[in-house]
Protein backbone atom coordinates (compact mmCIF):
# COMPACT_ATOMS: atom_id res chain seq x y z
CA UNK A 1 133.83 89.06 85.76
CA UNK A 2 131.70 86.02 86.53
CA UNK A 3 130.90 87.47 89.97
CA UNK A 4 129.80 90.78 88.44
CA UNK A 5 127.52 89.00 85.96
CA UNK A 6 126.06 86.83 88.75
CA UNK A 7 125.53 89.91 90.92
CA UNK A 8 123.79 91.81 88.09
CA UNK A 9 121.60 88.77 87.29
CA UNK A 10 120.58 88.46 90.96
CA UNK A 11 119.89 92.20 91.08
CA UNK A 12 117.68 91.95 87.99
CA UNK A 13 115.72 89.04 89.49
CA UNK A 14 115.22 90.85 92.80
CA UNK A 15 114.15 94.04 90.98
CA UNK A 16 111.63 92.14 88.87
CA UNK A 17 110.23 90.44 91.99
CA UNK A 18 109.96 93.83 93.69
CA UNK A 19 107.97 95.24 90.79
CA UNK A 20 105.56 92.28 90.91
CA UNK A 21 105.12 92.65 94.67
CA UNK A 22 104.54 96.40 94.32
CA UNK A 23 101.81 95.76 91.73
CA UNK A 24 100.10 93.30 94.08
CA UNK A 25 100.29 95.74 97.02
CA UNK A 26 98.98 98.91 95.45
CA UNK A 27 99.53 102.01 97.57
CA UNK A 28 96.25 103.42 98.89
CA UNK A 29 96.01 107.03 100.05
CA UNK A 30 93.52 108.72 102.40
CA UNK A 31 90.75 110.66 100.64
CA UNK A 32 91.13 114.27 101.73
CA UNK A 33 88.74 117.16 101.12
CA UNK A 34 90.58 120.44 101.61
CA UNK A 35 88.96 123.70 102.74
CA UNK A 36 89.06 124.83 99.12
CA UNK A 37 87.36 121.59 98.01
CA UNK A 38 84.65 122.05 100.62
CA UNK A 39 84.28 125.65 99.43
CA UNK A 40 83.30 124.33 96.00
CA UNK A 41 86.57 123.67 94.16
CA UNK A 42 85.89 119.93 94.41
CA UNK A 43 83.33 120.35 91.63
CA UNK A 44 86.18 121.25 89.26
CA UNK A 45 87.77 117.81 89.62
CA UNK A 46 87.95 115.67 86.48
CA UNK A 47 85.84 112.93 88.11
CA UNK A 48 82.93 115.32 88.80
CA UNK A 49 79.65 114.01 87.41
CA UNK A 50 77.06 116.52 86.24
CA UNK A 51 73.50 115.37 85.65
CA UNK A 52 70.68 117.38 84.12
CA UNK A 53 67.38 115.96 85.35
CA UNK A 54 64.05 115.95 83.50
CA UNK A 55 62.61 118.42 86.03
CA UNK A 56 65.27 121.02 85.13
CA UNK A 57 67.42 120.39 88.21
CA UNK A 58 71.17 120.00 87.76
CA UNK A 59 73.25 118.00 90.22
CA UNK A 60 77.02 117.84 90.68
CA UNK A 61 78.62 114.87 92.39
CA UNK A 62 82.18 113.90 93.26
CA UNK A 63 83.03 110.55 94.80
CA UNK A 64 86.19 110.89 96.89
CA UNK A 65 86.46 107.30 98.09
CA UNK A 66 85.09 103.95 97.01
CA UNK A 67 86.06 101.01 99.22
CA UNK A 68 87.63 97.94 97.65
CA UNK A 69 84.48 95.92 98.37
CA UNK A 70 82.38 98.69 96.73
CA UNK A 71 80.08 99.02 99.76
CA UNK A 72 81.41 102.23 101.38
CA UNK A 73 81.58 105.60 99.58
CA UNK A 74 82.28 109.24 100.43
CA UNK A 75 81.99 112.47 98.51
CA UNK A 76 80.28 115.81 97.95
CA UNK A 77 77.02 116.58 96.19
CA UNK A 78 75.31 119.79 95.07
CA UNK A 79 71.71 120.06 93.95
CA UNK A 80 69.15 122.67 93.05
CA UNK A 81 65.45 122.38 93.86
CA UNK A 82 64.26 118.79 94.18
CA UNK A 83 61.53 116.61 95.57
CA UNK A 84 61.89 112.85 95.92
CA UNK A 85 59.24 110.52 97.25
CA UNK A 86 60.13 107.18 98.79
CA UNK A 87 56.70 105.61 99.15
CA UNK A 88 56.85 102.43 97.09
CA UNK A 89 60.53 101.78 97.68
CA UNK A 90 62.69 102.80 100.64
CA UNK A 91 65.71 105.13 100.53
CA UNK A 92 67.93 102.14 99.72
CA UNK A 93 71.27 103.07 101.34
CA UNK A 94 72.50 104.04 104.79
CA UNK A 95 73.72 107.63 104.40
CA UNK A 96 75.28 110.22 106.69
CA UNK A 97 75.06 113.79 105.36
CA UNK A 98 76.56 117.05 106.60
CA UNK A 99 74.97 120.06 104.93
CA UNK A 100 77.29 122.90 103.94
CA UNK A 101 74.70 125.07 102.18
CA UNK A 102 70.93 125.14 101.92
CA UNK A 103 68.55 122.80 103.70
CA UNK A 104 66.38 119.75 103.25
CA UNK A 105 62.96 118.91 104.68
CA UNK A 106 62.44 115.24 105.45
CA UNK A 107 58.87 114.11 105.99
CA UNK A 108 58.74 110.52 107.22
CA UNK A 109 55.95 108.13 106.21
CA UNK A 110 54.04 108.86 109.44
CA UNK A 111 54.07 112.63 108.74
CA UNK A 112 56.90 113.58 111.16
CA UNK A 113 58.90 116.48 109.71
CA UNK A 114 62.58 117.27 110.22
CA UNK A 115 64.35 120.26 108.68
CA UNK A 116 68.11 119.89 108.28
CA UNK A 117 69.90 123.23 107.72
CA UNK A 118 73.44 124.16 106.68
CA UNK A 119 75.80 123.32 109.54
CA UNK A 120 73.66 120.35 110.60
CA UNK A 121 73.88 116.65 109.87
CA UNK A 122 71.47 113.78 109.45
CA UNK A 123 71.74 110.03 109.00
CA UNK A 124 69.09 108.20 106.99
CA UNK A 125 68.75 104.42 107.11
CA UNK A 126 68.18 102.43 103.96
CA UNK A 127 64.71 101.49 105.24
CA UNK A 128 63.52 105.12 105.53
CA UNK A 129 60.37 106.01 103.63
CA UNK A 130 58.98 109.49 103.14
CA UNK A 131 59.50 112.69 101.15
CA UNK A 132 62.72 114.63 100.59
CA UNK A 133 62.26 118.31 99.61
CA UNK A 134 64.79 121.07 99.09
CA UNK A 135 65.25 124.41 97.34
CA UNK A 136 68.92 123.48 96.93
CA UNK A 137 71.84 122.29 99.01
CA UNK A 138 75.46 121.17 99.12
CA UNK A 139 76.41 118.24 101.30
CA UNK A 140 79.28 115.97 102.27
CA UNK A 141 78.02 112.41 102.22
CA UNK A 142 79.06 109.00 103.47
CA UNK A 143 77.19 105.96 102.17
CA UNK A 144 77.20 102.32 103.15
CA UNK A 145 75.36 99.92 100.90
CA UNK A 146 75.58 96.16 101.16
CA UNK A 147 74.11 95.81 97.68
CA UNK A 148 76.43 94.55 94.96
């Protein structure tokens, strides 16, 4: 009987230690976007953020991954017509974007114009200055920001 009690006590201690270790080593999963997500279903997720802007534009955004150091992010974004000017302050983040729908016209500070259409990608550095114009688009984005 003493052996059984000792065995059960040891088992309880090992189990408790295992629970504590499991809490310290949280399981992290890859952030997948399925074909259905990319087709628009992602905007039905509970973590989707909808923002109605003063200019009447509505944007939808879903963050699919936020790194533990909070400097690397991925997700999808959908916007209607918009125009943003980065003249006083730069873009602010390093961002890769793959456009699924629509297009964006990027006019750099020196007047150089680039049009990015659906099926194309662009990377903008945090130092970029210029004008961003679009009649609407959906994009997959990847952002790196060393700001805290």
